[in-house]
Amino acid sequence: GFGAGGSFMTSETVSNPVGNATAG
């Protein structure tokens, strides 16, 4: 078989002493 579609990933929070960011 062969298929095609979409990919959806959740976001995560990246933290360090400088600050936070949302990665996805």
mmCIF file of all heavy atoms, coordinates in Angstrom:
data_MODEL
# 
_entry.id   MODEL 
# 
loop_
_atom_site.group_PDB 
_atom_site.id 
_atom_site.type_symbol 
_atom_site.label_atom_id 
_atom_site.label_alt_id 
_atom_site.label_comp_id 
_atom_site.label_asym_id 
_atom_site.label_entity_id 
_atom_site.label_seq_id 
_atom_site.pdbx_PDB_ins_code 
_atom_site.Cartn_x 
_atom_site.Cartn_y 
_atom_site.Cartn_z 
_atom_site.occupancy 
_atom_site.B_iso_or_equiv 
_atom_site.pdbx_formal_charge 
_atom_site.auth_seq_id 
_atom_site.auth_comp_id 
_atom_site.auth_asym_id 
_atom_site.auth_atom_id 
_atom_site.pdbx_PDB_model_num 
ATOM 1   N N   . GLY A 1 1  ? 0.794  -1.217 0.000  1.00 0.00 ? 1  GLY A N   1 
ATOM 2   C CA  . GLY A 1 1  ? 0.000  0.000  0.000  1.00 0.00 ? 1  GLY A CA  1 
ATOM 3   C C   . GLY A 1 1  ? 0.827  1.267  0.000  1.00 0.00 ? 1  GLY A C   1 
ATOM 4   O O   . GLY A 1 1  ? 2.006  1.260  0.362  1.00 0.00 ? 1  GLY A O   1 
ATOM 5   N N   . PHE A 1 2  ? 0.186  2.337  -0.430 1.00 0.00 ? 2  PHE A N   1 
ATOM 6   C CA  . PHE A 1 2  ? 0.781  3.671  -0.457 1.00 0.00 ? 2  PHE A CA  1 
ATOM 7   C C   . PHE A 1 2  ? -0.269 4.637  0.050  1.00 0.00 ? 2  PHE A C   1 
ATOM 8   O O   . PHE A 1 2  ? -1.456 4.469  -0.228 1.00 0.00 ? 2  PHE A O   1 
ATOM 9   C CB  . PHE A 1 2  ? 1.187  4.052  -1.886 1.00 0.00 ? 2  PHE A CB  1 
ATOM 10  C CG  . PHE A 1 2  ? 2.051  3.023  -2.548 1.00 0.00 ? 2  PHE A CG  1 
ATOM 11  C CD1 . PHE A 1 2  ? 1.501  2.062  -3.377 1.00 0.00 ? 2  PHE A CD1 1 
ATOM 12  C CD2 . PHE A 1 2  ? 3.408  3.004  -2.309 1.00 0.00 ? 2  PHE A CD2 1 
ATOM 13  C CE1 . PHE A 1 2  ? 2.284  1.104  -3.979 1.00 0.00 ? 2  PHE A CE1 1 
ATOM 14  C CE2 . PHE A 1 2  ? 4.209  2.050  -2.909 1.00 0.00 ? 2  PHE A CE2 1 
ATOM 15  C CZ  . PHE A 1 2  ? 3.653  1.094  -3.739 1.00 0.00 ? 2  PHE A CZ  1 
ATOM 16  N N   . GLY A 1 3  ? 0.159  5.640  0.782  1.00 0.00 ? 3  GLY A N   1 
ATOM 17  C CA  . GLY A 1 3  ? -0.802 6.592  1.310  1.00 0.00 ? 3  GLY A CA  1 
ATOM 18  C C   . GLY A 1 3  ? -0.226 7.988  1.401  1.00 0.00 ? 3  GLY A C   1 
ATOM 19  O O   . GLY A 1 3  ? 0.984  8.184  1.355  1.00 0.00 ? 3  GLY A O   1 
ATOM 20  N N   . ALA A 1 4  ? -1.107 8.956  1.543  1.00 0.00 ? 4  ALA A N   1 
ATOM 21  C CA  . ALA A 1 4  ? -0.722 10.353 1.714  1.00 0.00 ? 4  ALA A CA  1 
ATOM 22  C C   . ALA A 1 4  ? -1.689 10.995 2.688  1.00 0.00 ? 4  ALA A C   1 
ATOM 23  O O   . ALA A 1 4  ? -2.831 10.564 2.814  1.00 0.00 ? 4  ALA A O   1 
ATOM 24  C CB  . ALA A 1 4  ? -0.751 11.084 0.384  1.00 0.00 ? 4  ALA A CB  1 
ATOM 25  N N   . GLY A 1 5  ? -1.218 11.995 3.392  1.00 0.00 ? 5  GLY A N   1 
ATOM 26  C CA  . GLY A 1 5  ? -2.074 12.668 4.355  1.00 0.00 ? 5  GLY A CA  1 
ATOM 27  C C   . GLY A 1 5  ? -1.365 13.847 4.976  1.00 0.00 ? 5  GLY A C   1 
ATOM 28  O O   . GLY A 1 5  ? -0.500 14.468 4.359  1.00 0.00 ? 5  GLY A O   1 
ATOM 29  N N   . GLY A 1 6  ? -1.728 14.129 6.212  1.00 0.00 ? 6  GLY A N   1 
ATOM 30  C CA  . GLY A 1 6  ? -1.163 15.258 6.929  1.00 0.00 ? 6  GLY A CA  1 
ATOM 31  C C   . GLY A 1 6  ? -0.558 14.829 8.240  1.00 0.00 ? 6  GLY A C   1 
ATOM 32  O O   . GLY A 1 6  ? -0.881 13.782 8.785  1.00 0.00 ? 6  GLY A O   1 
ATOM 33  N N   . SER A 1 7  ? 0.333  15.646 8.735  1.00 0.00 ? 7  SER A N   1 
ATOM 34  C CA  . SER A 1 7  ? 1.022  15.392 9.996  1.00 0.00 ? 7  SER A CA  1 
ATOM 35  C C   . SER A 1 7  ? 0.794  16.582 10.918 1.00 0.00 ? 7  SER A C   1 
ATOM 36  O O   . SER A 1 7  ? 0.971  17.734 10.511 1.00 0.00 ? 7  SER A O   1 
ATOM 37  C CB  . SER A 1 7  ? 2.515  15.213 9.724  1.00 0.00 ? 7  SER A CB  1 
ATOM 38  O OG  . SER A 1 7  ? 3.236  15.188 10.921 1.00 0.00 ? 7  SER A OG  1 
ATOM 39  N N   . PHE A 1 8  ? 0.394  16.308 12.139 1.00 0.00 ? 8  PHE A N   1 
ATOM 40  C CA  . PHE A 1 8  ? 0.140  17.364 13.112 1.00 0.00 ? 8  PHE A CA  1 
ATOM 41  C C   . PHE A 1 8  ? 0.881  17.033 14.398 1.00 0.00 ? 8  PHE A C   1 
ATOM 42  O O   . PHE A 1 8  ? 0.749  15.925 14.911 1.00 0.00 ? 8  PHE A O   1 
ATOM 43  C CB  . PHE A 1 8  ? -1.362 17.480 13.400 1.00 0.00 ? 8  PHE A CB  1 
ATOM 44  C CG  . PHE A 1 8  ? -2.172 17.633 12.147 1.00 0.00 ? 8  PHE A CG  1 
ATOM 45  C CD1 . PHE A 1 8  ? -2.722 16.537 11.506 1.00 0.00 ? 8  PHE A CD1 1 
ATOM 46  C CD2 . PHE A 1 8  ? -2.360 18.879 11.583 1.00 0.00 ? 8  PHE A CD2 1 
ATOM 47  C CE1 . PHE A 1 8  ? -3.440 16.665 10.337 1.00 0.00 ? 8  PHE A CE1 1 
ATOM 48  C CE2 . PHE A 1 8  ? -3.078 19.028 10.413 1.00 0.00 ? 8  PHE A CE2 1 
ATOM 49  C CZ  . PHE A 1 8  ? -3.625 17.919 9.790  1.00 0.00 ? 8  PHE A CZ  1 
ATOM 50  N N   . MET A 1 9  ? 1.672  17.963 14.902 1.00 0.00 ? 9  MET A N   1 
ATOM 51  C CA  . MET A 1 9  ? 2.441  17.716 16.123 1.00 0.00 ? 9  MET A CA  1 
ATOM 52  C C   . MET A 1 9  ? 2.037  18.723 17.195 1.00 0.00 ? 9  MET A C   1 
ATOM 53  O O   . MET A 1 9  ? 1.685  19.860 16.889 1.00 0.00 ? 9  MET A O   1 
ATOM 54  C CB  . MET A 1 9  ? 3.938  17.824 15.853 1.00 0.00 ? 9  MET A CB  1 
ATOM 55  C CG  . MET A 1 9  ? 4.425  16.800 14.839 1.00 0.00 ? 9  MET A CG  1 
ATOM 56  S SD  . MET A 1 9  ? 6.179  16.931 14.522 1.00 0.00 ? 9  MET A SD  1 
ATOM 57  C CE  . MET A 1 9  ? 6.801  15.787 15.719 1.00 0.00 ? 9  MET A CE  1 
ATOM 58  N N   . THR A 1 10 ? 2.124  18.304 18.451 1.00 0.00 ? 10 THR A N   1 
ATOM 59  C CA  . THR A 1 10 ? 1.818  19.193 19.559 1.00 0.00 ? 10 THR A CA  1 
ATOM 60  C C   . THR A 1 10 ? 2.998  20.124 19.823 1.00 0.00 ? 10 THR A C   1 
ATOM 61  O O   . THR A 1 10 ? 4.127  19.838 19.445 1.00 0.00 ? 10 THR A O   1 
ATOM 62  C CB  . THR A 1 10 ? 1.505  18.387 20.833 1.00 0.00 ? 10 THR A CB  1 
ATOM 63  O OG1 . THR A 1 10 ? 2.636  17.567 21.150 1.00 0.00 ? 10 THR A OG1 1 
ATOM 64  C CG2 . THR A 1 10 ? 0.283  17.524 20.642 1.00 0.00 ? 10 THR A CG2 1 
ATOM 65  N N   . SER A 1 11 ? 2.735  21.230 20.499 1.00 0.00 ? 11 SER A N   1 
ATOM 66  C CA  . SER A 1 11 ? 3.781  22.189 20.857 1.00 0.00 ? 11 SER A CA  1 
ATOM 67  C C   . SER A 1 11 ? 4.281  21.903 22.271 1.00 0.00 ? 11 SER A C   1 
ATOM 68  O O   . SER A 1 11 ? 3.550  21.374 23.098 1.00 0.00 ? 11 SER A O   1 
ATOM 69  C CB  . SER A 1 11 ? 3.246  23.615 20.789 1.00 0.00 ? 11 SER A CB  1 
ATOM 70  O OG  . SER A 1 11 ? 2.869  23.930 19.479 1.00 0.00 ? 11 SER A OG  1 
ATOM 71  N N   . GLU A 1 12 ? 5.522  22.274 22.519 1.00 0.00 ? 12 GLU A N   1 
ATOM 72  C CA  . GLU A 1 12 ? 6.141  22.112 23.828 1.00 0.00 ? 12 GLU A CA  1 
ATOM 73  C C   . GLU A 1 12 ? 6.762  23.447 24.245 1.00 0.00 ? 12 GLU A C   1 
ATOM 74  O O   . GLU A 1 12 ? 7.107  24.273 23.408 1.00 0.00 ? 12 GLU A O   1 
ATOM 75  C CB  . GLU A 1 12 ? 7.241  21.040 23.786 1.00 0.00 ? 12 GLU A CB  1 
ATOM 76  C CG  . GLU A 1 12 ? 6.768  19.666 23.382 1.00 0.00 ? 12 GLU A CG  1 
ATOM 77  C CD  . GLU A 1 12 ? 5.910  18.999 24.445 1.00 0.00 ? 12 GLU A CD  1 
ATOM 78  O OE1 . GLU A 1 12 ? 6.109  19.270 25.638 1.00 0.00 ? 12 GLU A OE1 1 
ATOM 79  O OE2 . GLU A 1 12 ? 5.028  18.207 24.066 1.00 0.00 ? 12 GLU A OE2 1 
ATOM 80  N N   . THR A 1 13 ? 6.934  23.621 25.542 1.00 0.00 ? 13 THR A N   1 
ATOM 81  C CA  . THR A 1 13 ? 7.592  24.818 26.053 1.00 0.00 ? 13 THR A CA  1 
ATOM 82  C C   . THR A 1 13 ? 9.070  24.525 26.285 1.00 0.00 ? 13 THR A C   1 
ATOM 83  O O   . THR A 1 13 ? 9.416  23.530 26.906 1.00 0.00 ? 13 THR A O   1 
ATOM 84  C CB  . THR A 1 13 ? 6.945  25.281 27.371 1.00 0.00 ? 13 THR A CB  1 
ATOM 85  O OG1 . THR A 1 13 ? 5.569  25.573 27.123 1.00 0.00 ? 13 THR A OG1 1 
ATOM 86  C CG2 . THR A 1 13 ? 7.631  26.512 27.925 1.00 0.00 ? 13 THR A CG2 1 
ATOM 87  N N   . VAL A 1 14 ? 9.933  25.394 25.734 1.00 0.00 ? 14 VAL A N   1 
ATOM 88  C CA  . VAL A 1 14 ? 11.373 25.313 25.944 1.00 0.00 ? 14 VAL A CA  1 
ATOM 89  C C   . VAL A 1 14 ? 11.721 26.378 26.976 1.00 0.00 ? 14 VAL A C   1 
ATOM 90  O O   . VAL A 1 14 ? 11.369 27.545 26.802 1.00 0.00 ? 14 VAL A O   1 
ATOM 91  C CB  . VAL A 1 14 ? 12.141 25.580 24.632 1.00 0.00 ? 14 VAL A CB  1 
ATOM 92  C CG1 . VAL A 1 14 ? 13.634 25.562 24.862 1.00 0.00 ? 14 VAL A CG1 1 
ATOM 93  C CG2 . VAL A 1 14 ? 11.728 24.584 23.564 1.00 0.00 ? 14 VAL A CG2 1 
ATOM 94  N N   . SER A 1 15 ? 12.410 25.973 28.046 1.00 0.00 ? 15 SER A N   1 
ATOM 95  C CA  . SER A 1 15 ? 12.754 26.914 29.123 1.00 0.00 ? 15 SER A CA  1 
ATOM 96  C C   . SER A 1 15 ? 14.240 26.885 29.417 1.00 0.00 ? 15 SER A C   1 
ATOM 97  O O   . SER A 1 15 ? 14.872 25.830 29.353 1.00 0.00 ? 15 SER A O   1 
ATOM 98  C CB  . SER A 1 15 ? 12.004 26.546 30.410 1.00 0.00 ? 15 SER A CB  1 
ATOM 99  O OG  . SER A 1 15 ? 10.620 26.596 30.215 1.00 0.00 ? 15 SER A OG  1 
ATOM 100 N N   . ASN A 1 16 ? 14.771 28.045 29.729 1.00 0.00 ? 16 ASN A N   1 
ATOM 101 C CA  . ASN A 1 16 ? 16.122 28.163 30.274 1.00 0.00 ? 16 ASN A CA  1 
ATOM 102 C C   . ASN A 1 16 ? 16.147 29.438 31.117 1.00 0.00 ? 16 ASN A C   1 
ATOM 103 O O   . ASN A 1 16 ? 15.142 30.162 31.181 1.00 0.00 ? 16 ASN A O   1 
ATOM 104 C CB  . ASN A 1 16 ? 17.180 28.130 29.162 1.00 0.00 ? 16 ASN A CB  1 
ATOM 105 C CG  . ASN A 1 16 ? 17.189 29.346 28.268 1.00 0.00 ? 16 ASN A CG  1 
ATOM 106 O OD1 . ASN A 1 16 ? 16.736 30.421 28.649 1.00 0.00 ? 16 ASN A OD1 1 
ATOM 107 N ND2 . ASN A 1 16 ? 17.716 29.185 27.071 1.00 0.00 ? 16 ASN A ND2 1 
ATOM 108 N N   . PRO A 1 17 ? 17.259 29.762 31.793 1.00 0.00 ? 17 PRO A N   1 
ATOM 109 C CA  . PRO A 1 17 ? 17.276 30.958 32.660 1.00 0.00 ? 17 PRO A CA  1 
ATOM 110 C C   . PRO A 1 17 ? 16.955 32.270 31.938 1.00 0.00 ? 17 PRO A C   1 
ATOM 111 O O   . PRO A 1 17 ? 16.476 33.216 32.542 1.00 0.00 ? 17 PRO A O   1 
ATOM 112 C CB  . PRO A 1 17 ? 18.704 30.979 33.210 1.00 0.00 ? 17 PRO A CB  1 
ATOM 113 C CG  . PRO A 1 17 ? 19.152 29.551 33.163 1.00 0.00 ? 17 PRO A CG  1 
ATOM 114 C CD  . PRO A 1 17 ? 18.485 28.970 31.943 1.00 0.00 ? 17 PRO A CD  1 
ATOM 115 N N   . VAL A 1 18 ? 17.173 32.325 30.624 1.00 0.00 ? 18 VAL A N   1 
ATOM 116 C CA  . VAL A 1 18 ? 16.916 33.552 29.859 1.00 0.00 ? 18 VAL A CA  1 
ATOM 117 C C   . VAL A 1 18 ? 15.426 33.768 29.633 1.00 0.00 ? 18 VAL A C   1 
ATOM 118 O O   . VAL A 1 18 ? 14.945 34.895 29.621 1.00 0.00 ? 18 VAL A O   1 
ATOM 119 C CB  . VAL A 1 18 ? 17.670 33.508 28.508 1.00 0.00 ? 18 VAL A CB  1 
ATOM 120 C CG1 . VAL A 1 18 ? 17.324 34.701 27.631 1.00 0.00 ? 18 VAL A CG1 1 
ATOM 121 C CG2 . VAL A 1 18 ? 19.160 33.432 28.742 1.00 0.00 ? 18 VAL A CG2 1 
ATOM 122 N N   . GLY A 1 19 ? 14.676 32.676 29.435 1.00 0.00 ? 19 GLY A N   1 
ATOM 123 C CA  . GLY A 1 19 ? 13.245 32.817 29.166 1.00 0.00 ? 19 GLY A CA  1 
ATOM 124 C C   . GLY A 1 19 ? 12.611 31.526 28.663 1.00 0.00 ? 19 GLY A C   1 
ATOM 125 O O   . GLY A 1 19 ? 13.225 30.463 28.694 1.00 0.00 ? 19 GLY A O   1 
ATOM 126 N N   . ASN A 1 20 ? 11.381 31.672 28.193 1.00 0.00 ? 20 ASN A N   1 
ATOM 127 C CA  . ASN A 1 20 ? 10.603 30.542 27.679 1.00 0.00 ? 20 ASN A CA  1 
ATOM 128 C C   . ASN A 1 20 ? 10.187 30.821 26.242 1.00 0.00 ? 20 ASN A C   1 
ATOM 129 O O   . ASN A 1 20 ? 9.981  31.960 25.856 1.00 0.00 ? 20 ASN A O   1 
ATOM 130 C CB  . ASN A 1 20 ? 9.332  30.323 28.510 1.00 0.00 ? 20 ASN A CB  1 
ATOM 131 C CG  . ASN A 1 20 ? 9.626  30.025 29.948 1.00 0.00 ? 20 ASN A CG  1 
ATOM 132 O OD1 . ASN A 1 20 ? 10.634 29.417 30.274 1.00 0.00 ? 20 ASN A OD1 1 
ATOM 133 N ND2 . ASN A 1 20 ? 8.736  30.462 30.834 1.00 0.00 ? 20 ASN A ND2 1 
ATOM 134 N N   . ALA A 1 21 ? 10.012 29.725 25.491 1.00 0.00 ? 21 ALA A N   1 
ATOM 135 C CA  . ALA A 1 21 ? 9.502  29.831 24.124 1.00 0.00 ? 21 ALA A CA  1 
ATOM 136 C C   . ALA A 1 21 ? 8.661  28.588 23.845 1.00 0.00 ? 21 ALA A C   1 
ATOM 137 O O   . ALA A 1 21 ? 8.846  27.541 24.465 1.00 0.00 ? 21 ALA A O   1 
ATOM 138 C CB  . ALA A 1 21 ? 10.644 29.938 23.118 1.00 0.00 ? 21 ALA A CB  1 
ATOM 139 N N   . THR A 1 22 ? 7.751  28.720 22.910 1.00 0.00 ? 22 THR A N   1 
ATOM 140 C CA  . THR A 1 22 ? 6.934  27.592 22.487 1.00 0.00 ? 22 THR A CA  1 
ATOM 141 C C   . THR A 1 22 ? 7.548  27.027 21.211 1.00 0.00 ? 22 THR A C   1 
ATOM 142 O O   . THR A 1 22 ? 7.747  27.751 20.239 1.00 0.00 ? 22 THR A O   1 
ATOM 143 C CB  . THR A 1 22 ? 5.484  28.031 22.220 1.00 0.00 ? 22 THR A CB  1 
ATOM 144 O OG1 . THR A 1 22 ? 4.956  28.604 23.417 1.00 0.00 ? 22 THR A OG1 1 
ATOM 145 C CG2 . THR A 1 22 ? 4.623  26.857 21.810 1.00 0.00 ? 22 THR A CG2 1 
ATOM 146 N N   . ALA A 1 23 ? 7.856  25.727 21.237 1.00 0.00 ? 23 ALA A N   1 
ATOM 147 C CA  . ALA A 1 23 ? 8.460  25.057 20.085 1.00 0.00 ? 23 ALA A CA  1 
ATOM 148 C C   . ALA A 1 23 ? 7.463  24.054 19.526 1.00 0.00 ? 23 ALA A C   1 
ATOM 149 O O   . ALA A 1 23 ? 6.730  23.407 20.268 1.00 0.00 ? 23 ALA A O   1 
ATOM 150 C CB  . ALA A 1 23 ? 9.742  24.346 20.502 1.00 0.00 ? 23 ALA A CB  1 
ATOM 151 N N   . GLY A 1 24 ? 7.430  23.929 18.209 1.00 0.00 ? 24 GLY A N   1 
ATOM 152 C CA  . GLY A 1 24 ? 6.525  22.982 17.568 1.00 0.00 ? 24 GLY A CA  1 
ATOM 153 C C   . GLY A 1 24 ? 6.864  22.808 16.108 1.00 0.00 ? 24 GLY A C   1 
ATOM 154 O O   . GLY A 1 24 ? 7.940  23.194 15.651 1.00 0.00 ? 24 GLY A O   1 
# 
